[in-house]
Amino acid sequence: MFGNQKCSRCKGSGACQECYGTGKNTHLNVPGDLCEACKGSAKCQVCGGKVTGGPISKLLRKLAGE
């Protein structure tokens, strides 16, 4: 409603769901320091961390330079 669409994967947080937004490998049985899903960016793979929120969220992202 009113353009408040949330990503189906991250539910609007913009964070990678595999590493919980840390960018680090959270699986003990997988070698490497970076999360394999986001490659260390800590951003959601579906929306790329660009969450479409309400007008306040859009304003804050614009002010942050995103």
N, C-alpha and C. Protein backbone atom coordinates (compact mmCIF):
# COMPACT_ATOMS: atom_id res chain seq x y z
N MET A 1 0.84 -1.18 0.00
CA MET A 1 0.00 0.00 0.00
C MET A 1 0.88 1.25 0.00
N PHE A 2 0.57 2.21 -0.81
CA PHE A 2 1.32 3.46 -0.91
C PHE A 2 2.79 3.23 -1.25
N GLY A 3 3.09 2.22 -2.08
CA GLY A 3 4.47 1.97 -2.49
C GLY A 3 5.33 1.32 -1.42
N ASN A 4 4.74 0.72 -0.43
CA ASN A 4 5.48 0.08 0.65
C ASN A 4 5.74 -1.38 0.33
N GLN A 5 6.40 -1.65 -0.77
CA GLN A 5 6.67 -3.02 -1.17
C GLN A 5 7.95 -3.49 -0.51
N LYS A 6 7.90 -4.69 0.02
CA LYS A 6 9.07 -5.26 0.68
C LYS A 6 9.59 -6.43 -0.14
N CYS A 7 10.89 -6.61 -0.09
CA CYS A 7 11.53 -7.72 -0.78
C CYS A 7 11.04 -9.03 -0.18
N SER A 8 10.80 -10.01 -1.05
CA SER A 8 10.29 -11.30 -0.58
C SER A 8 11.34 -12.08 0.21
N ARG A 9 12.61 -11.82 -0.05
CA ARG A 9 13.68 -12.56 0.62
C ARG A 9 14.08 -11.95 1.97
N CYS A 10 14.36 -10.64 1.99
CA CYS A 10 14.86 -10.01 3.21
C CYS A 10 13.76 -9.33 4.02
N LYS A 11 12.56 -9.33 3.50
CA LYS A 11 11.40 -8.73 4.19
C LYS A 11 11.60 -7.26 4.50
N GLY A 12 12.37 -6.58 3.64
CA GLY A 12 12.54 -5.14 3.79
C GLY A 12 13.76 -4.69 4.56
N SER A 13 14.55 -5.63 5.07
CA SER A 13 15.73 -5.22 5.84
C SER A 13 16.91 -4.85 4.94
N GLY A 14 16.98 -5.45 3.75
CA GLY A 14 18.08 -5.20 2.84
C GLY A 14 19.32 -6.00 3.16
N ALA A 15 19.27 -6.82 4.21
CA ALA A 15 20.43 -7.60 4.66
C ALA A 15 20.39 -9.02 4.08
N CYS A 16 21.57 -9.56 3.84
CA CYS A 16 21.70 -10.94 3.37
C CYS A 16 21.14 -11.88 4.44
N GLN A 17 20.31 -12.80 4.03
CA GLN A 17 19.69 -13.72 4.98
C GLN A 17 20.59 -14.90 5.33
N GLU A 18 21.60 -15.17 4.50
CA GLU A 18 22.51 -16.28 4.78
C GLU A 18 23.49 -15.95 5.91
N CYS A 19 23.97 -14.73 5.93
CA CYS A 19 24.97 -14.34 6.94
C CYS A 19 24.41 -13.35 7.96
N TYR A 20 23.09 -13.13 7.89
CA TYR A 20 22.41 -12.22 8.81
C TYR A 20 22.95 -10.80 8.72
N GLY A 21 23.35 -10.41 7.51
CA GLY A 21 23.80 -9.04 7.28
C GLY A 21 25.21 -8.73 7.76
N THR A 22 26.01 -9.77 8.00
CA THR A 22 27.38 -9.54 8.47
C THR A 22 28.41 -9.57 7.34
N GLY A 23 28.11 -10.30 6.27
CA GLY A 23 29.06 -10.46 5.17
C GLY A 23 30.11 -11.52 5.43
N LYS A 24 30.06 -12.14 6.60
CA LYS A 24 31.05 -13.15 6.99
C LYS A 24 30.45 -14.56 6.87
N ASN A 25 31.30 -15.52 6.67
CA ASN A 25 30.90 -16.91 6.57
C ASN A 25 30.40 -17.40 7.93
N THR A 26 29.17 -17.85 8.00
CA THR A 26 28.61 -18.33 9.26
C THR A 26 28.54 -19.85 9.32
N HIS A 27 28.97 -20.53 8.26
CA HIS A 27 28.93 -22.00 8.20
C HIS A 27 30.30 -22.56 8.54
N LEU A 28 30.36 -23.39 9.54
CA LEU A 28 31.63 -23.95 9.98
C LEU A 28 32.22 -24.95 9.00
N ASN A 29 31.36 -25.61 8.21
CA ASN A 29 31.85 -26.64 7.31
C ASN A 29 32.18 -26.12 5.91
N VAL A 30 32.21 -24.80 5.73
CA VAL A 30 32.53 -24.19 4.44
C VAL A 30 33.77 -23.32 4.60
N PRO A 31 34.80 -23.57 3.76
CA PRO A 31 36.02 -22.76 3.89
C PRO A 31 35.80 -21.33 3.39
N GLY A 32 36.60 -20.43 3.88
CA GLY A 32 36.53 -19.03 3.45
C GLY A 32 35.98 -18.13 4.53
N ASP A 33 36.36 -16.86 4.45
CA ASP A 33 35.94 -15.88 5.45
C ASP A 33 34.67 -15.13 5.07
N LEU A 34 34.39 -15.03 3.76
CA LEU A 34 33.24 -14.26 3.30
C LEU A 34 32.03 -15.15 3.04
N CYS A 35 30.87 -14.59 3.21
CA CYS A 35 29.62 -15.28 2.93
C CYS A 35 29.58 -15.64 1.44
N GLU A 36 29.25 -16.88 1.12
CA GLU A 36 29.20 -17.31 -0.28
C GLU A 36 28.02 -16.71 -1.02
N ALA A 37 26.94 -16.42 -0.33
CA ALA A 37 25.74 -15.90 -0.99
C ALA A 37 25.92 -14.44 -1.42
N CYS A 38 26.42 -13.60 -0.55
CA CYS A 38 26.53 -12.16 -0.85
C CYS A 38 27.95 -11.74 -1.20
N LYS A 39 28.90 -12.66 -1.13
CA LYS A 39 30.32 -12.38 -1.43
C LYS A 39 30.89 -11.29 -0.54
N GLY A 40 30.39 -11.18 0.70
CA GLY A 40 30.92 -10.23 1.66
C GLY A 40 30.27 -8.86 1.65
N SER A 41 29.28 -8.66 0.78
CA SER A 41 28.64 -7.33 0.71
C SER A 41 27.61 -7.13 1.81
N ALA A 42 27.10 -8.20 2.38
CA ALA A 42 26.08 -8.20 3.43
C ALA A 42 24.73 -7.72 2.92
N LYS A 43 24.57 -7.61 1.60
CA LYS A 43 23.30 -7.14 1.01
C LYS A 43 22.47 -8.32 0.51
N CYS A 44 21.18 -8.16 0.53
CA CYS A 44 20.24 -9.16 0.03
C CYS A 44 20.53 -9.45 -1.44
N GLN A 45 20.50 -10.72 -1.84
CA GLN A 45 20.79 -11.09 -3.21
C GLN A 45 19.62 -10.78 -4.15
N VAL A 46 18.41 -10.71 -3.63
CA VAL A 46 17.24 -10.46 -4.48
C VAL A 46 17.09 -8.98 -4.80
N CYS A 47 17.10 -8.14 -3.79
CA CYS A 47 16.89 -6.70 -4.02
C CYS A 47 18.20 -5.91 -4.03
N GLY A 48 19.31 -6.57 -3.74
CA GLY A 48 20.60 -5.89 -3.74
C GLY A 48 20.76 -4.89 -2.61
N GLY A 49 19.93 -5.02 -1.58
CA GLY A 49 19.99 -4.08 -0.46
C GLY A 49 19.22 -2.81 -0.72
N LYS A 50 18.66 -2.68 -1.90
CA LYS A 50 17.86 -1.50 -2.26
C LYS A 50 16.40 -1.78 -1.93
N VAL A 51 16.06 -1.63 -0.72
CA VAL A 51 14.70 -1.91 -0.26
C VAL A 51 13.79 -0.76 -0.65
N THR A 52 12.64 -1.11 -1.21
CA THR A 52 11.68 -0.08 -1.57
C THR A 52 10.75 0.11 -0.39
N GLY A 53 10.92 1.16 0.31
CA GLY A 53 10.11 1.44 1.48
C GLY A 53 9.19 2.62 1.26
N GLY A 54 8.75 3.19 2.33
CA GLY A 54 7.86 4.33 2.27
C GLY A 54 8.62 5.61 1.95
N PRO A 55 7.94 6.73 1.95
CA PRO A 55 8.58 7.99 1.60
C PRO A 55 9.70 8.41 2.54
N ILE A 56 9.60 8.07 3.80
CA ILE A 56 10.66 8.42 4.75
C ILE A 56 11.90 7.59 4.46
N SER A 57 11.73 6.30 4.19
CA SER A 57 12.87 5.44 3.86
C SER A 57 13.55 5.92 2.59
N LYS A 58 12.76 6.30 1.60
CA LYS A 58 13.33 6.80 0.35
C LYS A 58 14.11 8.09 0.57
N LEU A 59 13.60 8.97 1.40
CA LEU A 59 14.28 10.22 1.70
C LEU A 59 15.61 9.96 2.42
N LEU A 60 15.60 9.05 3.38
CA LEU A 60 16.82 8.73 4.11
C LEU A 60 17.87 8.12 3.20
N ARG A 61 17.45 7.23 2.28
CA ARG A 61 18.39 6.65 1.32
C ARG A 61 18.96 7.72 0.39
N LYS A 62 18.11 8.66 -0.02
CA LYS A 62 18.56 9.75 -0.90
C LYS A 62 19.58 10.63 -0.19
N LEU A 63 19.32 10.93 1.08
CA LEU A 63 20.24 11.75 1.85
C LEU A 63 21.57 11.03 2.10
N ALA A 64 21.51 9.70 2.19
CA ALA A 64 22.72 8.91 2.39
C ALA A 64 23.52 8.75 1.10
N GLY A 65 22.95 9.17 -0.03
CA GLY A 65 23.66 9.09 -1.30
C GLY A 65 23.49 7.79 -2.02
N GLU A 66 22.50 7.03 -1.68
CA GLU A 66 22.25 5.74 -2.35
C GLU A 66 21.36 5.92 -3.54
